[in-house]
């Protein structure tokens, strides 16, 4: 957060910092794709997880999306 937000902007008030941090956290935790989640957003990953486990399947999302390292 520091590099992407706090070091990138000049804030006029503490209230502005808090509002921007809240927006950044929401984006990061719900909308932004994460490599560790197979390039899905946490929200999409959770939806896919619940959809697959509700059908009795095991979760295979990240395995099909992450590059194989040798």
N, C-alpha and C. Protein backbone atom coordinates (compact mmCIF):
# COMPACT_ATOMS: atom_id res chain seq x y z
N UNK A 1 0.83 -1.18 0.00
CA UNK A 1 0.00 0.00 0.00
C UNK A 1 0.87 1.25 0.00
N UNK A 2 1.99 1.18 0.67
CA UNK A 2 2.83 2.37 0.78
C UNK A 2 3.29 2.87 -0.58
N UNK A 3 3.84 1.98 -1.40
CA UNK A 3 4.33 2.39 -2.73
C UNK A 3 3.19 2.82 -3.64
N UNK A 4 2.12 2.04 -3.64
CA UNK A 4 1.04 2.27 -4.59
C UNK A 4 0.13 3.43 -4.21
N UNK A 5 0.09 3.79 -2.97
CA UNK A 5 -0.84 4.83 -2.55
C UNK A 5 -0.18 5.94 -1.76
N UNK A 6 0.39 5.59 -0.62
CA UNK A 6 0.88 6.63 0.28
C UNK A 6 2.05 7.42 -0.29
N UNK A 7 2.94 6.77 -1.02
CA UNK A 7 4.07 7.48 -1.62
C UNK A 7 3.71 8.13 -2.95
N UNK A 8 2.56 7.80 -3.50
CA UNK A 8 2.18 8.28 -4.83
C UNK A 8 1.34 9.56 -4.81
N UNK A 9 0.79 9.92 -3.67
CA UNK A 9 -0.12 11.07 -3.60
C UNK A 9 0.31 12.04 -2.51
N UNK A 10 -0.08 13.27 -2.69
CA UNK A 10 0.06 14.27 -1.64
C UNK A 10 -1.34 14.51 -1.10
N UNK A 11 -1.53 14.24 0.17
CA UNK A 11 -2.84 14.33 0.78
C UNK A 11 -3.00 15.66 1.49
N UNK A 12 -4.23 16.16 1.53
CA UNK A 12 -4.52 17.43 2.18
C UNK A 12 -5.01 17.27 3.62
N UNK A 13 -5.46 16.06 3.96
CA UNK A 13 -5.98 15.85 5.31
C UNK A 13 -5.90 14.37 5.67
N UNK A 14 -6.00 14.10 6.94
CA UNK A 14 -6.02 12.73 7.41
C UNK A 14 -7.28 12.02 6.93
N UNK A 15 -8.38 12.75 6.85
CA UNK A 15 -9.63 12.18 6.34
C UNK A 15 -9.45 11.69 4.90
N UNK A 16 -8.77 12.46 4.10
CA UNK A 16 -8.52 12.08 2.71
C UNK A 16 -7.66 10.81 2.64
N UNK A 17 -6.66 10.71 3.50
CA UNK A 17 -5.82 9.51 3.56
C UNK A 17 -6.67 8.30 3.91
N UNK A 18 -7.51 8.43 4.92
CA UNK A 18 -8.36 7.31 5.35
C UNK A 18 -9.31 6.87 4.25
N UNK A 19 -9.91 7.84 3.54
CA UNK A 19 -10.84 7.51 2.46
C UNK A 19 -10.13 6.80 1.31
N UNK A 20 -8.97 7.31 0.92
CA UNK A 20 -8.22 6.69 -0.18
C UNK A 20 -7.72 5.30 0.22
N UNK A 21 -7.29 5.13 1.47
CA UNK A 21 -6.84 3.82 1.93
C UNK A 21 -7.99 2.83 1.91
N UNK A 22 -9.17 3.26 2.32
CA UNK A 22 -10.33 2.38 2.31
C UNK A 22 -10.67 1.95 0.88
N UNK A 23 -10.62 2.89 -0.06
CA UNK A 23 -10.87 2.56 -1.47
C UNK A 23 -9.82 1.59 -2.00
N UNK A 24 -8.54 1.82 -1.65
CA UNK A 24 -7.46 0.96 -2.11
C UNK A 24 -7.62 -0.45 -1.56
N UNK A 25 -7.94 -0.56 -0.26
CA UNK A 25 -8.14 -1.88 0.35
C UNK A 25 -9.29 -2.64 -0.29
N UNK A 26 -10.39 -1.94 -0.58
CA UNK A 26 -11.53 -2.58 -1.23
C UNK A 26 -11.13 -3.09 -2.60
N UNK A 27 -10.44 -2.28 -3.38
CA UNK A 27 -9.99 -2.70 -4.70
C UNK A 27 -9.06 -3.90 -4.59
N UNK A 28 -8.09 -3.83 -3.69
CA UNK A 28 -7.10 -4.89 -3.56
C UNK A 28 -7.73 -6.19 -3.06
N UNK A 29 -8.62 -6.10 -2.09
CA UNK A 29 -9.19 -7.29 -1.46
C UNK A 29 -10.39 -7.87 -2.19
N UNK A 30 -10.99 -7.12 -3.11
CA UNK A 30 -12.19 -7.61 -3.78
C UNK A 30 -12.10 -7.63 -5.29
N UNK A 31 -11.39 -6.70 -5.90
CA UNK A 31 -11.49 -6.54 -7.34
C UNK A 31 -10.21 -6.83 -8.12
N UNK A 32 -9.07 -6.54 -7.56
CA UNK A 32 -7.81 -6.69 -8.29
C UNK A 32 -7.40 -8.15 -8.43
N UNK A 33 -7.05 -8.59 -9.64
CA UNK A 33 -6.59 -9.97 -9.82
C UNK A 33 -5.29 -10.22 -9.05
N UNK A 34 -5.17 -11.42 -8.47
CA UNK A 34 -3.98 -11.81 -7.72
C UNK A 34 -3.34 -13.02 -8.37
N UNK A 35 -2.04 -12.98 -8.55
CA UNK A 35 -1.32 -14.10 -9.14
C UNK A 35 -1.54 -15.37 -8.33
N UNK A 36 -1.51 -15.25 -7.02
CA UNK A 36 -1.65 -16.43 -6.15
C UNK A 36 -3.03 -17.06 -6.24
N UNK A 37 -3.99 -16.35 -6.79
CA UNK A 37 -5.35 -16.87 -6.95
C UNK A 37 -5.63 -17.23 -8.41
N UNK A 38 -4.58 -17.46 -9.16
CA UNK A 38 -4.77 -17.82 -10.56
C UNK A 38 -5.25 -16.64 -11.39
N UNK A 39 -4.80 -15.46 -11.02
CA UNK A 39 -5.15 -14.22 -11.71
C UNK A 39 -6.64 -13.91 -11.65
N UNK A 40 -7.30 -14.37 -10.60
CA UNK A 40 -8.69 -14.01 -10.33
C UNK A 40 -8.69 -12.99 -9.19
N UNK A 41 -9.73 -12.18 -9.15
CA UNK A 41 -9.88 -11.29 -8.00
C UNK A 41 -10.30 -12.15 -6.81
N UNK A 42 -10.02 -11.71 -5.59
CA UNK A 42 -10.44 -12.49 -4.43
C UNK A 42 -11.95 -12.76 -4.42
N UNK A 43 -12.74 -11.80 -4.86
CA UNK A 43 -14.18 -11.98 -4.90
C UNK A 43 -14.56 -13.06 -5.90
N UNK A 44 -13.99 -13.02 -7.11
CA UNK A 44 -14.28 -14.04 -8.13
C UNK A 44 -13.78 -15.42 -7.68
N UNK A 45 -12.61 -15.45 -7.04
CA UNK A 45 -12.07 -16.71 -6.54
C UNK A 45 -13.01 -17.32 -5.51
N UNK A 46 -13.49 -16.51 -4.59
CA UNK A 46 -14.41 -17.01 -3.56
C UNK A 46 -15.71 -17.51 -4.18
N UNK A 47 -16.23 -16.79 -5.16
CA UNK A 47 -17.45 -17.23 -5.84
C UNK A 47 -17.22 -18.57 -6.54
N UNK A 48 -16.10 -18.70 -7.23
CA UNK A 48 -15.78 -19.93 -7.93
C UNK A 48 -15.56 -21.07 -6.93
N UNK A 49 -14.92 -20.78 -5.84
CA UNK A 49 -14.69 -21.78 -4.79
C UNK A 49 -16.02 -22.32 -4.27
N UNK A 50 -16.93 -21.40 -3.93
CA UNK A 50 -18.22 -21.82 -3.38
C UNK A 50 -19.05 -22.55 -4.42
N UNK A 51 -18.97 -22.13 -5.67
CA UNK A 51 -19.71 -22.81 -6.74
C UNK A 51 -19.20 -24.24 -6.90
N UNK A 52 -17.88 -24.40 -6.94
CA UNK A 52 -17.31 -25.73 -7.13
C UNK A 52 -17.53 -26.64 -5.94
N UNK A 53 -17.35 -26.12 -4.73
CA UNK A 53 -17.51 -26.97 -3.55
C UNK A 53 -18.98 -27.30 -3.32
N UNK A 54 -19.90 -26.44 -3.73
CA UNK A 54 -21.33 -26.73 -3.60
C UNK A 54 -21.73 -27.90 -4.49
N UNK A 55 -21.00 -28.08 -5.60
CA UNK A 55 -21.27 -29.18 -6.51
C UNK A 55 -20.49 -30.44 -6.13
N UNK A 56 -19.77 -30.41 -5.02
CA UNK A 56 -19.01 -31.57 -4.57
C UNK A 56 -17.68 -31.73 -5.27
N UNK A 57 -17.26 -30.75 -6.05
CA UNK A 57 -15.98 -30.82 -6.75
C UNK A 57 -14.87 -30.28 -5.85
N UNK A 58 -13.66 -30.72 -6.13
CA UNK A 58 -12.52 -30.14 -5.44
C UNK A 58 -12.08 -28.91 -6.21
N UNK A 59 -11.48 -27.98 -5.52
CA UNK A 59 -11.09 -26.73 -6.14
C UNK A 59 -9.86 -26.91 -7.01
N UNK A 60 -9.97 -26.56 -8.26
CA UNK A 60 -8.87 -26.72 -9.21
C UNK A 60 -8.57 -25.41 -9.94
N UNK A 61 -9.05 -24.29 -9.48
CA UNK A 61 -8.92 -23.05 -10.25
C UNK A 61 -7.46 -22.65 -10.42
N UNK A 62 -6.74 -22.52 -9.30
CA UNK A 62 -5.39 -22.01 -9.39
C UNK A 62 -4.47 -22.93 -10.16
N UNK A 63 -4.69 -24.21 -10.11
CA UNK A 63 -3.82 -25.14 -10.81
C UNK A 63 -3.87 -24.94 -12.32
N UNK A 64 -5.02 -24.61 -12.84
CA UNK A 64 -5.16 -24.47 -14.28
C UNK A 64 -4.70 -23.10 -14.78
N UNK A 65 -4.51 -22.13 -13.89
CA UNK A 65 -4.17 -20.78 -14.32
C UNK A 65 -2.75 -20.37 -14.04
N UNK A 66 -2.10 -20.99 -13.09
CA UNK A 66 -0.74 -20.60 -12.75
C UNK A 66 0.28 -21.30 -13.64
N UNK A 67 1.34 -20.60 -14.01
CA UNK A 67 2.38 -21.25 -14.81
C UNK A 67 3.10 -22.32 -14.00
N UNK A 68 3.51 -23.35 -14.66
CA UNK A 68 4.21 -24.46 -14.00
C UNK A 68 5.68 -24.10 -13.85
N UNK A 69 6.19 -24.21 -12.65
CA UNK A 69 7.61 -23.92 -12.40
C UNK A 69 8.35 -25.23 -12.22
N UNK A 70 9.51 -25.31 -12.82
CA UNK A 70 10.31 -26.53 -12.70
C UNK A 70 11.54 -26.31 -11.89
